[in-house]
Amino acid sequence: MKRLQLTTAIVMCSFGCALLVAGFVTPPVGEIHHSLLIAFGEILTFSGSLIGIDYKYRYKE
């Protein structure tokens, strides 16, 4: 369970950061607005960091 939680936190943070970068770099194509990419990236980064903080304090060695 703790391996799954750590993996989920890392994936969410990484994907959220990638969406934040994509929102700033890509030109507006008309399919997905850059503000939506940025907002979703912020949500994933924040959620991943909360899961990571929970993991750190729950499984402190």
Protein backbone atom coordinates (compact mmCIF):
# COMPACT_ATOMS: atom_id res chain seq x y z
CA MET A 1 0.00 0.00 0.00
CA LYS A 2 2.74 2.46 0.84
CA ARG A 3 4.51 1.72 -2.47
CA LEU A 4 1.28 2.50 -4.35
CA GLN A 5 0.82 5.74 -2.41
CA LEU A 6 4.37 6.89 -3.13
CA THR A 7 4.08 5.95 -6.81
CA THR A 8 0.78 7.80 -7.12
CA ALA A 9 2.24 10.92 -5.50
CA ILE A 10 5.25 10.92 -7.83
CA VAL A 11 3.13 10.34 -10.95
CA MET A 12 0.63 13.05 -10.02
CA CYS A 13 3.35 15.62 -9.28
CA SER A 14 5.25 14.79 -12.45
CA PHE A 15 2.17 14.86 -14.67
CA GLY A 16 0.94 18.07 -13.03
CA CYS A 17 4.28 19.79 -13.64
CA ALA A 18 4.29 18.57 -17.24
CA LEU A 19 0.82 20.03 -17.79
CA LEU A 20 1.91 23.33 -16.27
CA VAL A 21 4.84 23.51 -18.68
CA ALA A 22 2.63 22.47 -21.61
CA GLY A 23 0.13 25.19 -20.73
CA PHE A 24 2.82 27.85 -20.96
CA VAL A 25 4.69 26.51 -23.99
CA THR A 26 2.06 25.32 -26.46
CA PRO A 27 0.35 27.79 -28.77
CA PRO A 28 -3.45 27.89 -28.57
CA VAL A 29 -4.61 25.20 -30.97
CA GLY A 30 -8.28 25.66 -30.11
CA GLU A 31 -8.91 22.25 -28.60
CA ILE A 32 -7.85 22.69 -24.96
CA HIS A 33 -7.45 26.17 -23.52
CA HIS A 34 -4.13 26.80 -21.78
CA SER A 35 -5.84 28.02 -18.59
CA LEU A 36 -7.51 24.61 -18.28
CA LEU A 37 -4.12 22.86 -18.61
CA ILE A 38 -2.60 25.17 -16.02
CA ALA A 39 -5.48 24.73 -13.57
CA PHE A 40 -5.47 20.93 -13.90
CA GLY A 41 -1.68 20.90 -13.56
CA GLU A 42 -1.90 22.90 -10.34
CA ILE A 43 -4.56 20.55 -8.97
CA LEU A 44 -2.46 17.45 -9.75
CA THR A 45 0.70 18.98 -8.31
CA PHE A 46 -1.09 20.01 -5.11
CA SER A 47 -2.81 16.62 -4.73
CA GLY A 48 0.45 14.76 -5.34
CA SER A 49 2.25 16.86 -2.78
CA LEU A 50 -0.46 16.20 -0.19
CA ILE A 51 -0.21 12.45 -0.81
CA GLY A 52 3.58 12.69 -0.54
CA ILE A 53 3.40 14.60 2.74
CA ASP A 54 0.93 12.04 4.12
CA TYR A 55 3.29 9.25 3.03
CA LYS A 56 6.26 10.90 4.74
CA TYR A 57 4.58 11.27 8.11
CA ARG A 58 2.66 7.98 8.04
CA TYR A 59 5.67 5.79 7.20
CA LYS A 60 8.38 7.69 9.03
CA GLU A 61 11.29 5.37 9.77
